Amino acid sequence: MIDKDFLQTLSARAAGLFPAAEAARAKLEKELYGLLQSSLGKLNVVTKEEFVAQARLLEQARAQIAALEVQMAALEKDAKP
């Protein structure tokens, strides 16, 4: 899910680009927030926390693969006459 604070900040900045009466600006900001939330919710994205967790798991898997490759090379070397 997209960060709520990010959407609020983005919609507030976008609404700030239109110099209008405060009530109209608040309405525009609310509508932009809804539009952004709906549009970004349809994208196939993950949160930063999920990305970092998956990156850690990937790094651990790479380290394990490298260690297994070293072990395999050593075993192959020992197995050859």
C-alpha atoms as a PDB file:
ATOM      1  CA  MET A   1       0.000   0.000   0.000  1.00  0.00           C
ATOM      2  CA  ILE A   2       1.192   3.509  -0.779  1.00  0.00           C
ATOM      3  CA  ASP A   3       2.183   5.659   2.190  1.00  0.00           C
ATOM      4  CA  LYS A   4      -0.736   7.891   3.245  1.00  0.00           C
ATOM      5  CA  ASP A   5       1.556  10.797   4.206  1.00  0.00           C
ATOM      6  CA  PHE A   6       3.185  10.671   0.769  1.00  0.00           C
ATOM      7  CA  LEU A   7      -0.196  10.894  -0.958  1.00  0.00           C
ATOM      8  CA  GLN A   8      -1.322  13.749   1.267  1.00  0.00           C
ATOM      9  CA  THR A   9       1.885  15.680   0.615  1.00  0.00           C
ATOM     10  CA  LEU A  10       1.714  15.059  -3.121  1.00  0.00           C
ATOM     11  CA  SER A  11      -1.941  16.058  -3.397  1.00  0.00           C
ATOM     12  CA  ALA A  12      -1.344  19.163  -1.250  1.00  0.00           C
ATOM     13  CA  ARG A  13       1.550  20.251  -3.468  1.00  0.00           C
ATOM     14  CA  ALA A  14      -0.460  19.621  -6.622  1.00  0.00           C
ATOM     15  CA  ALA A  15      -3.413  21.561  -5.236  1.00  0.00           C
ATOM     16  CA  GLY A  16      -1.040  24.376  -4.253  1.00  0.00           C
ATOM     17  CA  LEU A  17      -0.190  24.878  -7.914  1.00  0.00           C
ATOM     18  CA  PHE A  18      -3.678  26.273  -8.495  1.00  0.00           C
ATOM     19  CA  PRO A  19      -4.228  29.686  -6.943  1.00  0.00           C
ATOM     20  CA  ALA A  20      -7.886  29.611  -5.960  1.00  0.00           C
ATOM     21  CA  ALA A  21     -10.152  30.233  -3.019  1.00  0.00           C
ATOM     22  CA  GLU A  22      -9.312  28.154   0.050  1.00  0.00           C
ATOM     23  CA  ALA A  23     -12.531  26.115  -0.093  1.00  0.00           C
ATOM     24  CA  ALA A  24     -11.992  25.251  -3.747  1.00  0.00           C
ATOM     25  CA  ARG A  25      -8.351  24.458  -3.000  1.00  0.00           C
ATOM     26  CA  ALA A  26      -9.326  22.100  -0.172  1.00  0.00           C
ATOM     27  CA  LYS A  27     -11.855  20.366  -2.421  1.00  0.00           C
ATOM     28  CA  LEU A  28      -9.278  20.045  -5.197  1.00  0.00           C
ATOM     29  CA  GLU A  29      -6.729  18.650  -2.739  1.00  0.00           C
ATOM     30  CA  LYS A  30      -9.252  16.060  -1.520  1.00  0.00           C
ATOM     31  CA  GLU A  31     -10.149  15.042  -5.058  1.00  0.00           C
ATOM     32  CA  LEU A  32      -6.495  14.838  -6.100  1.00  0.00           C
ATOM     33  CA  TYR A  33      -5.768  12.675  -3.057  1.00  0.00           C
ATOM     34  CA  GLY A  34      -8.535  10.270  -4.037  1.00  0.00           C
ATOM     35  CA  LEU A  35      -7.394  10.201  -7.649  1.00  0.00           C
ATOM     36  CA  LEU A  36      -3.763   9.571  -6.665  1.00  0.00           C
ATOM     37  CA  GLN A  37      -4.711   6.870  -4.172  1.00  0.00           C
ATOM     38  CA  SER A  38      -6.879   5.117  -6.741  1.00  0.00           C
ATOM     39  CA  SER A  39      -4.336   5.396  -9.547  1.00  0.00           C
ATOM     40  CA  LEU A  40      -1.318   4.381  -7.503  1.00  0.00           C
ATOM     41  CA  GLY A  41      -3.262   1.560  -5.866  1.00  0.00           C
ATOM     42  CA  LYS A  42      -3.704  -0.021  -9.291  1.00  0.00           C
ATOM     43  CA  LEU A  43       0.040  -0.136  -9.890  1.00  0.00           C
ATOM     44  CA  ASN A  44       1.995  -3.268  -9.107  1.00  0.00           C
ATOM     45  CA  VAL A  45       4.238  -1.707  -6.451  1.00  0.00           C
ATOM     46  CA  VAL A  46       5.501  -2.681  -3.013  1.00  0.00           C
ATOM     47  CA  THR A  47       6.338  -0.632   0.042  1.00  0.00           C
ATOM     48  CA  LYS A  48       9.909   0.328   0.786  1.00  0.00           C
ATOM     49  CA  GLU A  49       9.876  -1.963   3.820  1.00  0.00           C
ATOM     50  CA  GLU A  50       8.842  -4.935   1.663  1.00  0.00           C
ATOM     51  CA  PHE A  51      11.515  -4.078  -0.889  1.00  0.00           C
ATOM     52  CA  VAL A  52      14.236  -3.854   1.761  1.00  0.00           C
ATOM     53  CA  ALA A  53      13.165  -7.176   3.292  1.00  0.00           C
ATOM     54  CA  GLN A  54      13.245  -8.893  -0.098  1.00  0.00           C
ATOM     55  CA  ALA A  55      16.636  -7.336  -0.883  1.00  0.00           C
ATOM     56  CA  ARG A  56      18.014  -8.766   2.389  1.00  0.00           C
ATOM     57  CA  LEU A  57      16.655 -12.222   1.559  1.00  0.00           C
ATOM     58  CA  LEU A  58      18.156 -12.013  -1.923  1.00  0.00           C
ATOM     59  CA  GLU A  59      21.553 -11.062  -0.516  1.00  0.00           C
ATOM     60  CA  GLN A  60      21.424 -13.997   1.917  1.00  0.00           C
ATOM     61  CA  ALA A  61      20.516 -16.345  -0.932  1.00  0.00           C
ATOM     62  CA  ARG A  62      23.416 -15.024  -3.013  1.00  0.00           C
ATOM     63  CA  ALA A  63      25.818 -15.585  -0.125  1.00  0.00           C
ATOM     64  CA  GLN A  64      24.552 -19.143   0.345  1.00  0.00           C
ATOM     65  CA  ILE A  65      24.888 -19.866  -3.368  1.00  0.00           C
ATOM     66  CA  ALA A  66      28.450 -18.522  -3.393  1.00  0.00           C
ATOM     67  CA  ALA A  67      29.355 -20.710  -0.389  1.00  0.00           C
ATOM     68  CA  LEU A  68      27.801 -23.773  -2.040  1.00  0.00           C
ATOM     69  CA  GLU A  69      29.691 -23.069  -5.264  1.00  0.00           C
ATOM     70  CA  VAL A  70      32.958 -23.005  -3.322  1.00  0.00           C
ATOM     71  CA  GLN A  71      32.076 -26.274  -1.575  1.00  0.00           C
ATOM     72  CA  MET A  72      31.061 -27.869  -4.859  1.00  0.00           C
ATOM     73  CA  ALA A  73      34.293 -26.812  -6.549  1.00  0.00           C
ATOM     74  CA  ALA A  74      36.299 -28.276  -3.663  1.00  0.00           C
ATOM     75  CA  LEU A  75      34.380 -31.559  -3.827  1.00  0.00           C
ATOM     76  CA  GLU A  76      34.822 -31.765  -7.589  1.00  0.00           C
ATOM     77  CA  LYS A  77      38.533 -31.121  -7.206  1.00  0.00           C
ATOM     78  CA  ASP A  78      38.836 -33.889  -4.569  1.00  0.00           C
ATOM     79  CA  ALA A  79      36.795 -36.319  -6.678  1.00  0.00           C
ATOM     80  CA  LYS A  80      39.060 -36.039  -9.742  1.00  0.00           C
ATOM     81  CA  PRO A  81      41.934 -38.572  -9.875  1.00  0.00           C
END
